[in-house]
Each structure stands twice: as structure tokens, then as C-alpha cells.
Protein backbone atom coordinates (compact mmCIF):
# COMPACT_ATOMS: atom_id res chain seq x y z
CA MET A 1 -3.57 -71.57 44.15
CA ARG A 2 0.05 -70.36 43.15
CA ILE A 3 -1.17 -68.81 40.08
CA LEU A 4 -3.34 -66.34 41.75
CA SER A 5 -0.72 -65.80 44.36
CA VAL A 6 1.42 -64.38 41.34
CA LEU A 7 -1.22 -62.49 39.63
CA LEU A 8 -3.27 -60.68 42.25
CA PRO A 9 0.62 -58.62 43.27
CA THR A 10 1.33 -58.14 39.49
CA THR A 11 -2.29 -56.67 38.57
CA ILE A 12 -2.22 -54.32 42.07
CA PHE A 13 1.27 -53.11 40.74
CA PHE A 14 -0.10 -52.57 37.01
CA LEU A 15 -3.20 -50.53 38.26
CA ALA A 16 -0.83 -48.31 40.90
CA THR A 17 1.51 -47.56 38.30
CA ASN A 18 -1.05 -46.50 35.31
CA SER A 19 -3.01 -44.14 38.20
CA VAL A 20 0.26 -42.27 38.70
CA ALA A 21 -0.49 -39.97 35.33
CA GLN A 22 -3.63 -39.05 36.70
CA THR A 23 -2.62 -38.02 40.32
CA LEU A 24 0.02 -35.51 39.18
CA PRO A 25 -0.88 -31.94 39.58
CA TYR A 26 -1.77 -29.47 36.87
CA PRO A 27 0.54 -26.42 36.33
CA GLN A 28 -0.96 -23.48 38.49
CA ASN A 29 -1.87 -19.97 36.32
CA ASP A 30 0.44 -17.42 37.66
CA THR A 31 -0.88 -13.86 38.96
CA ALA A 32 2.30 -11.85 37.92
CA PRO A 33 1.65 -9.70 34.18
CA VAL A 34 3.25 -11.19 31.31
CA THR A 35 4.72 -8.18 30.46
CA ALA A 36 8.22 -9.50 31.54
CA VAL A 37 9.48 -12.73 32.11
CA VAL A 38 12.08 -13.89 34.46
CA VAL A 39 13.86 -17.03 34.11
CA SER A 40 17.22 -16.42 35.35
CA ALA A 41 17.27 -12.65 34.32
CA ALA A 42 14.95 -10.40 33.02
CA ALA A 43 14.13 -11.13 29.28
CA ALA A 44 12.91 -9.15 26.72
CA PRO A 45 9.91 -10.63 24.66
CA TYR A 46 10.68 -12.13 21.50
CA TRP A 47 8.27 -12.11 18.52
CA ILE A 48 6.50 -15.29 16.99
CA ARG A 49 7.61 -15.22 13.36
CA LYS A 50 4.27 -17.38 11.47
CA GLU A 51 6.57 -20.41 10.53
CA GLN A 52 7.09 -20.67 14.26
CA ALA A 53 3.61 -20.50 15.24
CA ARG A 54 2.51 -23.05 12.59
CA ASN A 55 5.02 -25.48 13.93
CA ILE A 56 3.82 -24.97 17.41
CA ALA A 57 0.01 -24.31 17.25
CA GLY A 58 -1.97 -27.39 17.70
CA VAL A 59 -3.23 -30.41 20.18
CA TYR A 60 -0.71 -32.34 21.88
CA ASN A 61 -0.85 -35.39 23.94
CA LEU A 62 1.17 -35.16 26.77
CA SER A 63 3.30 -38.09 28.04
CA ASN A 64 1.29 -38.26 31.02
CA GLY A 65 -2.08 -38.55 29.66
CA TRP A 66 -2.92 -35.14 29.54
CA LEU A 67 -4.14 -33.05 26.40
CA MET A 68 -3.11 -30.27 25.49
CA LYS A 69 -4.01 -27.05 23.04
CA VAL A 70 -1.63 -24.61 22.12
CA ARG A 71 -2.81 -21.35 20.22
CA PRO A 72 0.06 -18.83 19.72
CA GLY A 73 0.02 -15.17 19.24
CA SER A 74 2.29 -12.59 18.07
CA ARG A 75 4.27 -12.65 21.18
CA THR A 76 2.61 -15.38 23.51
CA ILE A 77 1.26 -18.52 23.34
CA ASP A 78 -2.38 -19.60 24.82
CA THR A 79 -2.59 -22.85 25.96
CA THR A 80 -5.34 -25.08 27.60
CA ILE A 81 -4.44 -28.72 29.60
CA ASP A 82 -7.79 -30.66 29.74
CA LYS A 83 -10.23 -28.70 31.29
CA GLN A 84 -8.35 -26.65 33.36
CA LYS A 85 -8.05 -22.35 32.83
CA PRO A 86 -5.56 -21.43 29.97
CA MET A 87 -2.38 -20.26 30.72
CA ARG A 88 -0.35 -17.47 28.89
CA LEU A 89 3.37 -17.78 28.08
CA LEU A 90 5.68 -15.22 26.91
CA ALA A 91 8.25 -16.07 24.51
CA VAL A 92 11.30 -15.79 25.40
CA SER A 93 13.79 -17.43 22.74
CA PRO A 94 12.36 -18.70 18.89
CA TYR A 95 10.94 -21.67 20.59
CA LYS A 96 10.95 -21.01 24.53
CA PHE A 97 8.00 -19.63 26.52
CA ALA A 98 7.69 -19.25 30.20
CA SER A 99 4.83 -17.93 32.51
CA GLY A 100 5.39 -14.31 33.89
CA ASP A 101 6.78 -15.76 37.48
CA GLY A 102 9.40 -18.28 35.70
CA ARG A 103 7.52 -21.40 37.50
CA VAL A 104 6.13 -23.04 33.72
CA THR A 105 8.41 -23.05 30.71
CA MET A 106 7.64 -24.70 27.44
CA GLU A 107 9.97 -25.89 24.59
CA PHE A 108 9.07 -26.82 21.47
CA ASN A 109 11.10 -27.81 18.24
CA ARG A 110 13.10 -30.18 20.34
CA GLY A 111 14.88 -33.62 19.23
CA ASP A 112 16.86 -34.61 15.98
CA PHE A 113 14.16 -33.41 13.47
CA GLY A 114 12.13 -30.62 15.83
CA GLU A 115 9.45 -33.13 16.56
CA ASP A 116 9.57 -32.91 20.48
CA MET A 117 7.94 -30.88 23.13
CA ILE A 118 8.69 -30.58 26.37
CA MET A 119 7.04 -28.84 29.48
CA THR A 120 8.65 -27.92 33.08
CA TYR A 121 6.84 -26.67 35.95
CA ALA A 122 6.76 -26.42 39.96
CA PRO A 123 3.55 -27.67 41.04
CA ASP A 124 3.78 -25.98 44.63
CA PRO A 125 6.26 -22.83 45.24
CA ARG A 126 6.98 -24.50 48.67
CA TYR A 127 8.74 -27.15 47.49
CA ALA A 128 11.85 -27.37 44.99
CA ASP A 129 10.07 -30.10 42.97
CA VAL A 130 9.88 -29.49 39.17
CA ILE A 131 7.99 -32.12 36.61
CA VAL A 132 8.51 -32.94 33.49
CA ILE A 133 6.35 -33.43 30.58
CA SER A 134 6.97 -34.03 26.90
CA SER A 135 5.34 -34.68 24.02
CA SER A 136 6.19 -36.05 20.24
CA ILE A 137 4.97 -34.65 16.95
CA ALA A 138 3.82 -38.00 16.10
CA GLN A 139 1.48 -37.35 19.17
CA ARG A 140 0.47 -33.85 18.24
């Protein structure tokens, strides 16, 4: 009986912590045009070089369990998370991309050897919440 009284709360706690990744809201597509990006100031578009495109293209397993596909273009990347609508992000620096409204950013080539990626987004514009999700190249 003592084992059941310890085992049951532990099992419930384990199940609750594993379900957190599934309850995060997906980043929203912006409705702003992707001609200019405003993160902290107006930014001119940055051209993506071929080697940068090779470094960031692919499929990423994100730290919360989502699957993200990245397809680079000449100035933008198209990302698809799970079965959500594709998002287009504009390059603002060599490995940093942002949505037209600045609410979604992705930064690639992070870490000591350029193996990490980090995505930040604001799920609801009414609140000051920011969600940070990462992925390493080992999971790519």
C-alpha cells in the first residue's frame, strides 16, 4: 500500500510534465508584408549566401517535440512547423531571421561550433510572453 501511495503521485507528475510540450501555442503567421522587418529598428534585407543556405536548410527536431522544416531562398527562409501554415522570415543578418511584425525570430549557427538554432516568438500580442525553443544540429 505504501508503494502505491508513492507511485501514483510520481506517475501523475511525470505524465503532466511530458504533456507541457504539446500545450504550447504555435507561432502565428504575421499579416505584415515581408518587404521590411522591424525588430528594434528598420532593417535592410540581407542576402543569404549559398553556404549559409546549406548550413540552415533541413529538418529540425525542436526541444519541445515539434518538427520544423527550413527552406532558404535568396533573402528569406520558409519554415513549416508540424502541419501548420508556412511562415516566411526575412534575413536581418547572416544567420538571423525575423517575421515582418518582429514577433518570430530564428537564429542559426549558434554555439561553439555553429550546431545550435534558437527560435523565439510571442504567442499572443496582448501579453509580454516570449517562448524560446532550441534545436541542435545533432537533432537536425
